[in-house]
Amino acid sequence: FKNAQTTGSEELEMIKKSCPLVSKAYDVLECCNYTPEEYEAYWLFEMGKAAHTASIKGAREEGEAEGEAKGLAEGEAKKARETAIAMLVDGLSVEKISSYTGLSVEEVNSLSQT
């Protein structure tokens, strides 16, 4: 780093590509030369990037949670229909099946017609 000011741009890019830690160190070193206005702009930009990343992460997690909840609900509904069909086969009343499975009378009736 003591030769950072005399390092050429091509050489600097090669060094940065070879080691991410060195790249980060050069970025920090560069920040030390910022004017107060440049430094403030830099940090505002960095905070904006961080907020954007957090927003994307939050949206992804929310989408995954919604997908999981939807899948569970669909699975529970399928299981209720399967149970209702088995109960119909055993001759239980539509009202009793509706009460046990949580399906409406209309849903149970539609299953008895399939």
C-alpha atoms as a PDB file:
ATOM      1  CA  PHE A   1       0.000   0.000   0.000  1.00  0.00           C
ATOM      2  CA  LYS A   2       2.954   2.314   0.439  1.00  0.00           C
ATOM      3  CA  ASN A   3       3.221   2.384  -3.384  1.00  0.00           C
ATOM      4  CA  ALA A   4      -0.501   2.837  -3.949  1.00  0.00           C
ATOM      5  CA  GLN A   5      -0.136   6.320  -5.396  1.00  0.00           C
ATOM      6  CA  THR A   6       2.393   5.171  -7.994  1.00  0.00           C
ATOM      7  CA  THR A   7       0.555   1.986  -9.002  1.00  0.00           C
ATOM      8  CA  GLY A   8      -0.836   2.174 -12.531  1.00  0.00           C
ATOM      9  CA  SER A   9      -4.521   1.603 -13.201  1.00  0.00           C
ATOM     10  CA  GLU A  10      -3.973  -1.666 -15.100  1.00  0.00           C
ATOM     11  CA  GLU A  11      -1.702  -3.002 -12.388  1.00  0.00           C
ATOM     12  CA  LEU A  12      -4.188  -1.903  -9.727  1.00  0.00           C
ATOM     13  CA  GLU A  13      -7.025  -3.735 -11.493  1.00  0.00           C
ATOM     14  CA  MET A  14      -4.942  -6.919 -11.667  1.00  0.00           C
ATOM     15  CA  ILE A  15      -4.168  -6.668  -7.957  1.00  0.00           C
ATOM     16  CA  LYS A  16      -7.820  -6.027  -7.089  1.00  0.00           C
ATOM     17  CA  LYS A  17      -9.007  -9.001  -9.155  1.00  0.00           C
ATOM     18  CA  SER A  18      -6.468 -11.318  -7.565  1.00  0.00           C
ATOM     19  CA  CYS A  19      -7.548 -10.651  -3.993  1.00  0.00           C
ATOM     20  CA  PRO A  20     -10.954  -9.281  -2.862  1.00  0.00           C
ATOM     21  CA  LEU A  21      -9.496  -8.280   0.496  1.00  0.00           C
ATOM     22  CA  VAL A  22      -6.839  -6.139  -1.183  1.00  0.00           C
ATOM     23  CA  SER A  23      -9.541  -4.657  -3.404  1.00  0.00           C
ATOM     24  CA  LYS A  24     -11.581  -3.671  -0.339  1.00  0.00           C
ATOM     25  CA  ALA A  25      -8.476  -2.183   1.291  1.00  0.00           C
ATOM     26  CA  TYR A  26      -7.793  -0.055  -1.788  1.00  0.00           C
ATOM     27  CA  ASP A  27     -11.398   1.141  -1.749  1.00  0.00           C
ATOM     28  CA  VAL A  28     -11.026   2.173   1.901  1.00  0.00           C
ATOM     29  CA  LEU A  29      -7.732   3.872   1.095  1.00  0.00           C
ATOM     30  CA  GLU A  30      -9.416   5.771  -1.705  1.00  0.00           C
ATOM     31  CA  CYS A  31     -12.133   6.963   0.693  1.00  0.00           C
ATOM     32  CA  CYS A  32      -9.437   8.581   2.829  1.00  0.00           C
ATOM     33  CA  ASN A  33      -8.781  11.033  -0.001  1.00  0.00           C
ATOM     34  CA  TYR A  34     -12.411  12.123  -0.377  1.00  0.00           C
ATOM     35  CA  THR A  35     -13.527  15.643   0.370  1.00  0.00           C
ATOM     36  CA  PRO A  36     -16.217  15.897   3.045  1.00  0.00           C
ATOM     37  CA  GLU A  37     -18.836  16.279   0.292  1.00  0.00           C
ATOM     38  CA  GLU A  38     -17.548  13.251  -1.622  1.00  0.00           C
ATOM     39  CA  TYR A  39     -17.416  11.210   1.570  1.00  0.00           C
ATOM     40  CA  GLU A  40     -21.015  12.089   2.429  1.00  0.00           C
ATOM     41  CA  ALA A  41     -22.151  11.212  -1.103  1.00  0.00           C
ATOM     42  CA  TYR A  42     -20.254   7.912  -0.895  1.00  0.00           C
ATOM     43  CA  TRP A  43     -21.916   6.923   2.376  1.00  0.00           C
ATOM     44  CA  LEU A  44     -25.350   7.952   1.140  1.00  0.00           C
ATOM     45  CA  PHE A  45     -24.773   5.721  -1.885  1.00  0.00           C
ATOM     46  CA  GLU A  46     -23.576   2.828   0.293  1.00  0.00           C
ATOM     47  CA  MET A  47     -26.567   3.183   2.619  1.00  0.00           C
ATOM     48  CA  GLY A  48     -28.873   3.194  -0.412  1.00  0.00           C
ATOM     49  CA  LYS A  49     -27.258  -0.011  -1.683  1.00  0.00           C
ATOM     50  CA  ALA A  50     -27.654  -1.624   1.724  1.00  0.00           C
ATOM     51  CA  ALA A  51     -31.307  -0.583   1.932  1.00  0.00           C
ATOM     52  CA  HIS A  52     -31.946  -1.927  -1.565  1.00  0.00           C
ATOM     53  CA  THR A  53     -30.288  -5.241  -0.711  1.00  0.00           C
ATOM     54  CA  ALA A  54     -32.318  -5.506   2.499  1.00  0.00           C
ATOM     55  CA  SER A  55     -35.491  -4.720   0.583  1.00  0.00           C
ATOM     56  CA  ILE A  56     -34.800  -7.447  -1.963  1.00  0.00           C
ATOM     57  CA  LYS A  57     -33.966  -9.939   0.789  1.00  0.00           C
ATOM     58  CA  GLY A  58     -37.155  -9.055   2.650  1.00  0.00           C
ATOM     59  CA  ALA A  59     -39.264  -9.409  -0.489  1.00  0.00           C
ATOM     60  CA  ARG A  60     -37.674 -12.785  -1.259  1.00  0.00           C
ATOM     61  CA  GLU A  61     -38.318 -14.038   2.279  1.00  0.00           C
ATOM     62  CA  GLU A  62     -41.892 -12.761   2.146  1.00  0.00           C
ATOM     63  CA  GLY A  63     -42.457 -14.492  -1.191  1.00  0.00           C
ATOM     64  CA  GLU A  64     -41.013 -17.748   0.111  1.00  0.00           C
ATOM     65  CA  ALA A  65     -43.218 -17.570   3.206  1.00  0.00           C
ATOM     66  CA  GLU A  66     -46.303 -16.880   1.080  1.00  0.00           C
ATOM     67  CA  GLY A  67     -45.450 -19.772  -1.210  1.00  0.00           C
ATOM     68  CA  GLU A  68     -44.952 -22.096   1.724  1.00  0.00           C
ATOM     69  CA  ALA A  69     -48.247 -21.014   3.318  1.00  0.00           C
ATOM     70  CA  LYS A  70     -50.071 -21.481   0.015  1.00  0.00           C
ATOM     71  CA  GLY A  71     -48.547 -24.933  -0.435  1.00  0.00           C
ATOM     72  CA  LEU A  72     -49.542 -25.964   3.080  1.00  0.00           C
ATOM     73  CA  ALA A  73     -53.091 -24.698   2.570  1.00  0.00           C
ATOM     74  CA  GLU A  74     -53.377 -26.578  -0.729  1.00  0.00           C
ATOM     75  CA  GLY A  75     -52.048 -29.726   0.922  1.00  0.00           C
ATOM     76  CA  GLU A  76     -54.513 -29.446   3.795  1.00  0.00           C
ATOM     77  CA  ALA A  77     -57.404 -28.896   1.370  1.00  0.00           C
ATOM     78  CA  LYS A  78     -56.356 -31.933  -0.688  1.00  0.00           C
ATOM     79  CA  LYS A  79     -56.131 -34.075   2.445  1.00  0.00           C
ATOM     80  CA  ALA A  80     -59.593 -32.887   3.569  1.00  0.00           C
ATOM     81  CA  ARG A  81     -61.060 -33.837   0.164  1.00  0.00           C
ATOM     82  CA  GLU A  82     -59.350 -37.262   0.274  1.00  0.00           C
ATOM     83  CA  THR A  83     -60.686 -37.850   3.782  1.00  0.00           C
ATOM     84  CA  ALA A  84     -64.171 -36.757   2.731  1.00  0.00           C
ATOM     85  CA  ILE A  85     -64.146 -39.189  -0.204  1.00  0.00           C
ATOM     86  CA  ALA A  86     -63.129 -42.035   2.102  1.00  0.00           C
ATOM     87  CA  MET A  87     -65.898 -41.087   4.517  1.00  0.00           C
ATOM     88  CA  LEU A  88     -68.437 -40.962   1.674  1.00  0.00           C
ATOM     89  CA  VAL A  89     -67.358 -44.439   0.625  1.00  0.00           C
ATOM     90  CA  ASP A  90     -67.936 -45.598   4.213  1.00  0.00           C
ATOM     91  CA  GLY A  91     -71.473 -44.151   4.065  1.00  0.00           C
ATOM     92  CA  LEU A  92     -71.196 -41.257   6.514  1.00  0.00           C
ATOM     93  CA  SER A  93     -73.644 -38.393   6.123  1.00  0.00           C
ATOM     94  CA  VAL A  94     -72.662 -35.311   4.168  1.00  0.00           C
ATOM     95  CA  GLU A  95     -73.308 -33.120   7.217  1.00  0.00           C
ATOM     96  CA  LYS A  96     -71.063 -35.237   9.451  1.00  0.00           C
ATOM     97  CA  ILE A  97     -68.302 -35.285   6.811  1.00  0.00           C
ATOM     98  CA  SER A  98     -68.564 -31.513   6.490  1.00  0.00           C
ATOM     99  CA  SER A  99     -68.289 -31.157  10.258  1.00  0.00           C
ATOM    100  CA  TYR A 100     -65.223 -33.427  10.514  1.00  0.00           C
ATOM    101  CA  THR A 101     -63.295 -32.159   7.485  1.00  0.00           C
ATOM    102  CA  GLY A 102     -64.158 -28.471   7.527  1.00  0.00           C
ATOM    103  CA  LEU A 103     -65.406 -28.706   3.939  1.00  0.00           C
ATOM    104  CA  SER A 104     -68.718 -27.096   3.122  1.00  0.00           C
ATOM    105  CA  VAL A 105     -71.771 -29.275   2.457  1.00  0.00           C
ATOM    106  CA  GLU A 106     -71.623 -28.145  -1.171  1.00  0.00           C
ATOM    107  CA  GLU A 107     -67.962 -29.247  -1.473  1.00  0.00           C
ATOM    108  CA  VAL A 108     -68.768 -32.658   0.008  1.00  0.00           C
ATOM    109  CA  ASN A 109     -71.756 -33.028  -2.317  1.00  0.00           C
ATOM    110  CA  SER A 110     -69.582 -32.198  -5.308  1.00  0.00           C
ATOM    111  CA  LEU A 111     -67.122 -34.906  -4.212  1.00  0.00           C
ATOM    112  CA  SER A 112     -69.899 -37.492  -4.017  1.00  0.00           C
ATOM    113  CA  GLN A 113     -70.702 -36.815  -7.679  1.00  0.00           C
ATOM    114  CA  THR A 114     -67.157 -37.611  -8.905  1.00  0.00           C
END
